[in-house]
N, C-alpha and C. Protein backbone atom coordinates (compact mmCIF):
# COMPACT_ATOMS: atom_id res chain seq x y z
N MET A 1 97.07 97.34 85.73
CA MET A 1 95.75 97.09 86.01
C MET A 1 95.48 95.37 86.00
N LEU A 2 95.90 94.95 84.80
CA LEU A 2 95.58 93.42 84.75
C LEU A 2 96.67 92.59 85.30
N GLY A 3 97.53 93.19 85.49
CA GLY A 3 98.81 92.42 85.94
C GLY A 3 99.45 91.52 84.98
N LEU A 4 99.42 91.97 83.92
CA LEU A 4 100.00 91.48 82.65
C LEU A 4 100.97 92.71 82.09
N SER A 5 102.29 92.20 82.07
CA SER A 5 103.19 93.10 81.41
C SER A 5 103.11 93.02 79.87
N GLN A 6 103.83 93.98 79.18
CA GLN A 6 103.91 94.02 77.74
C GLN A 6 104.40 92.85 77.16
N GLY A 7 105.51 92.27 77.82
CA GLY A 7 106.30 91.14 77.59
C GLY A 7 105.36 89.95 77.37
N GLU A 8 104.66 89.81 78.55
CA GLU A 8 103.68 88.87 78.62
C GLU A 8 102.66 88.53 77.75
N LEU A 9 101.96 89.93 77.34
CA LEU A 9 101.15 90.03 76.45
C LEU A 9 101.60 89.74 75.17
N CYS A 10 102.71 90.03 74.74
CA CYS A 10 103.17 89.69 73.41
C CYS A 10 103.45 88.07 73.40
N ARG A 11 103.96 87.75 74.38
CA ARG A 11 104.21 86.16 74.38
C ARG A 11 102.86 85.39 74.35
N LEU A 12 102.04 85.60 75.06
CA LEU A 12 100.73 85.08 74.84
C LEU A 12 99.80 85.25 73.76
N SER A 13 99.91 86.34 73.15
CA SER A 13 99.38 86.95 71.94
C SER A 13 100.00 86.48 70.61
N GLY A 14 101.11 86.16 70.84
CA GLY A 14 102.20 85.99 69.68
C GLY A 14 102.44 87.22 68.79
N VAL A 15 102.11 88.41 69.40
CA VAL A 15 102.41 89.65 68.54
C VAL A 15 103.59 90.22 69.17
N GLY A 16 104.49 91.07 68.13
CA GLY A 16 105.84 91.55 68.35
C GLY A 16 105.88 92.75 69.40
N ARG A 17 106.84 92.74 70.01
CA ARG A 17 106.91 93.89 71.03
C ARG A 17 107.10 95.23 70.33
N ASN A 18 107.73 95.20 69.26
CA ASN A 18 107.82 96.34 68.55
C ASN A 18 106.41 97.06 67.95
N LEU A 19 105.64 95.92 67.71
CA LEU A 19 104.38 96.29 67.10
C LEU A 19 103.32 96.93 68.24
N LEU A 20 103.51 96.25 69.44
CA LEU A 20 102.80 96.59 70.67
C LEU A 20 103.34 98.10 71.17
N ASN A 21 104.36 98.46 71.09
CA ASN A 21 104.94 99.52 71.52
C ASN A 21 104.61 100.67 70.54
N ASP A 22 104.59 100.50 69.19
CA ASP A 22 104.14 101.41 68.20
C ASP A 22 102.62 101.57 68.15
N PHE A 23 101.84 100.65 68.56
CA PHE A 23 100.38 100.60 68.65
C PHE A 23 100.08 101.48 69.85
N GLU A 24 100.89 101.40 71.10
CA GLU A 24 100.61 102.17 72.03
C GLU A 24 100.94 103.68 71.97
N ALA A 25 101.96 103.69 71.18
CA ALA A 25 102.31 105.25 70.79
C ALA A 25 101.40 105.90 69.77
N GLY A 26 100.74 105.09 69.16
CA GLY A 26 99.95 105.85 68.23
C GLY A 26 100.64 105.90 66.73
N THR A 27 101.61 105.23 66.50
CA THR A 27 102.42 105.32 65.34
C THR A 27 102.16 104.29 64.38
N ARG A 28 101.27 103.24 64.80
CA ARG A 28 101.26 102.09 63.88
C ARG A 28 99.91 101.48 64.37
N VAL A 29 99.12 100.98 63.51
CA VAL A 29 97.69 100.22 63.64
C VAL A 29 98.02 98.80 63.18
N PRO A 30 97.93 97.75 64.03
CA PRO A 30 98.04 96.27 63.68
C PRO A 30 96.96 96.01 62.76
N ARG A 31 97.35 94.78 61.99
CA ARG A 31 96.26 94.28 61.27
C ARG A 31 95.31 93.61 61.85
N SER A 32 94.15 93.46 61.45
CA SER A 32 92.84 93.03 62.30
C SER A 32 93.39 91.68 62.88
N GLY A 33 94.11 90.72 62.37
CA GLY A 33 94.36 89.49 63.01
C GLY A 33 95.27 89.74 64.32
N ASN A 34 96.12 90.79 64.33
CA ASN A 34 96.92 90.88 65.44
C ASN A 34 96.04 91.75 66.56
N LEU A 35 95.38 92.65 66.14
CA LEU A 35 94.31 93.16 66.89
C LEU A 35 93.36 91.98 67.73
N ASP A 36 92.90 91.12 66.92
CA ASP A 36 92.15 90.12 67.41
C ASP A 36 92.92 89.14 68.56
N LYS A 37 94.29 88.88 68.30
CA LYS A 37 95.07 88.34 69.26
C LYS A 37 95.26 89.15 70.69
N LEU A 38 95.56 90.29 70.50
CA LEU A 38 95.82 91.29 71.54
C LEU A 38 94.37 91.34 72.41
N ARG A 39 93.37 91.58 71.72
CA ARG A 39 92.02 91.77 72.40
C ARG A 39 91.68 90.41 73.06
N SER A 40 91.98 89.24 72.53
CA SER A 40 91.49 88.03 73.12
C SER A 40 92.38 87.79 74.38
N GLU A 41 93.71 88.14 74.11
CA GLU A 41 94.49 87.88 75.58
C GLU A 41 94.16 88.95 76.61
N LEU A 42 93.78 90.46 76.19
CA LEU A 42 93.45 91.13 77.35
C LEU A 42 92.18 90.62 77.96
N GLU A 43 91.24 90.37 77.10
CA GLU A 43 89.88 89.71 77.68
C GLU A 43 90.04 88.79 78.51
N ARG A 44 91.09 87.60 78.27
CA ARG A 44 91.42 86.55 79.16
C ARG A 44 91.73 87.06 80.48
N ALA A 45 92.65 88.30 80.43
CA ALA A 45 93.01 88.69 81.67
C ALA A 45 92.16 89.60 82.48
N GLY A 46 91.11 90.02 81.98
CA GLY A 46 89.97 90.43 82.74
C GLY A 46 89.54 91.87 82.05
N ALA A 47 89.74 92.29 80.87
CA ALA A 47 89.57 93.46 80.28
C ALA A 47 88.05 93.26 79.46
N GLU A 48 87.25 94.12 79.62
CA GLU A 48 85.82 94.03 78.73
C GLU A 48 85.78 95.20 77.95
N PHE A 49 85.72 94.99 76.60
CA PHE A 49 85.61 96.08 75.67
C PHE A 49 84.15 96.18 75.45
N LEU A 50 83.62 97.43 75.53
CA LEU A 50 82.29 98.02 75.37
C LEU A 50 82.17 99.00 74.52
N ALA A 51 81.33 98.82 73.26
CA ALA A 51 80.99 99.51 72.22
C ALA A 51 79.99 100.60 72.82
N LEU A 52 80.33 101.86 72.58
CA LEU A 52 79.57 102.92 73.11
C LEU A 52 78.56 103.34 71.88
N THR A 53 77.39 104.14 72.33
CA THR A 53 76.54 104.59 71.14
C THR A 53 77.29 105.58 70.30
N ASP A 54 78.18 106.34 70.65
CA ASP A 54 78.68 107.26 69.76
C ASP A 54 79.95 106.84 69.02
N GLY A 55 80.02 105.33 68.71
CA GLY A 55 80.98 104.76 68.06
C GLY A 55 82.33 104.53 68.60
N THR A 56 82.66 104.81 69.77
CA THR A 56 83.94 104.96 70.52
C THR A 56 84.00 103.32 71.22
N VAL A 57 84.93 103.13 72.09
CA VAL A 57 84.89 101.76 72.61
C VAL A 57 85.57 102.14 73.97
N ALA A 58 84.80 101.61 75.21
CA ALA A 58 85.29 101.98 76.34
C ALA A 58 86.08 100.55 76.99
N VAL A 59 86.81 100.73 77.93
CA VAL A 59 87.38 99.47 78.42
C VAL A 59 87.01 99.23 80.01
N ARG A 60 86.57 98.09 80.32
CA ARG A 60 86.27 98.12 82.02
C ARG A 60 87.33 96.80 82.24
N ILE A 61 87.40 96.76 83.50
CA ILE A 61 88.16 95.61 84.14
C ILE A 61 87.32 94.99 84.95
N ARG A 62 87.13 93.62 84.64
CA ARG A 62 86.39 92.75 85.45
C ARG A 62 86.95 92.65 86.94
N PRO A 63 86.31 92.31 87.82
CA PRO A 63 86.67 92.03 89.14
C PRO A 63 87.71 90.83 89.00
N ALA A 64 88.74 90.66 89.72
CA ALA A 64 89.56 89.46 89.81
C ALA A 64 88.86 88.16 89.69
N ARG A 65 87.95 87.98 90.59
CA ARG A 65 87.30 86.69 90.51
C ARG A 65 86.63 86.21 89.37
N GLU A 66 86.32 87.28 88.43
CA GLU A 66 85.79 86.96 87.23
C GLU A 66 86.82 86.96 86.20
N SER A 67 88.17 86.87 86.22
CA SER A 67 89.07 87.16 85.21
C SER A 67 89.08 85.55 84.97
N LYS A 68 89.49 85.28 83.56
CA LYS A 68 89.69 84.06 83.05
C LYS A 68 91.28 83.94 83.07
N PHE A 69 92.10 84.74 83.18
CA PHE A 69 93.43 84.46 83.00
C PHE A 69 94.09 83.89 84.01
N GLN A 70 94.95 82.80 83.77
CA GLN A 70 95.69 82.13 84.80
C GLN A 70 97.08 82.24 84.60
N THR A 71 98.00 82.57 85.80
CA THR A 71 99.34 82.70 85.47
C THR A 71 100.02 81.58 85.56
N SER A 72 99.55 80.45 85.83
CA SER A 72 100.29 79.15 86.14
C SER A 72 100.23 78.27 84.71
């Protein structure tokens, strides 16, 4: 959806590929610093994280013209 591969996300955030794979699989929770790095890069690519009233988080994708991510 964001046009960002796992490899690119790892490279940009400085987070290891195994950590990202384990996090996506639900077998590992990254330390807060690594979560911050991932979130920051996802937000630069166009993701917006929204805290809901029930304590969960939703993610919306900003339209391409609002994205801060530059591929060059």
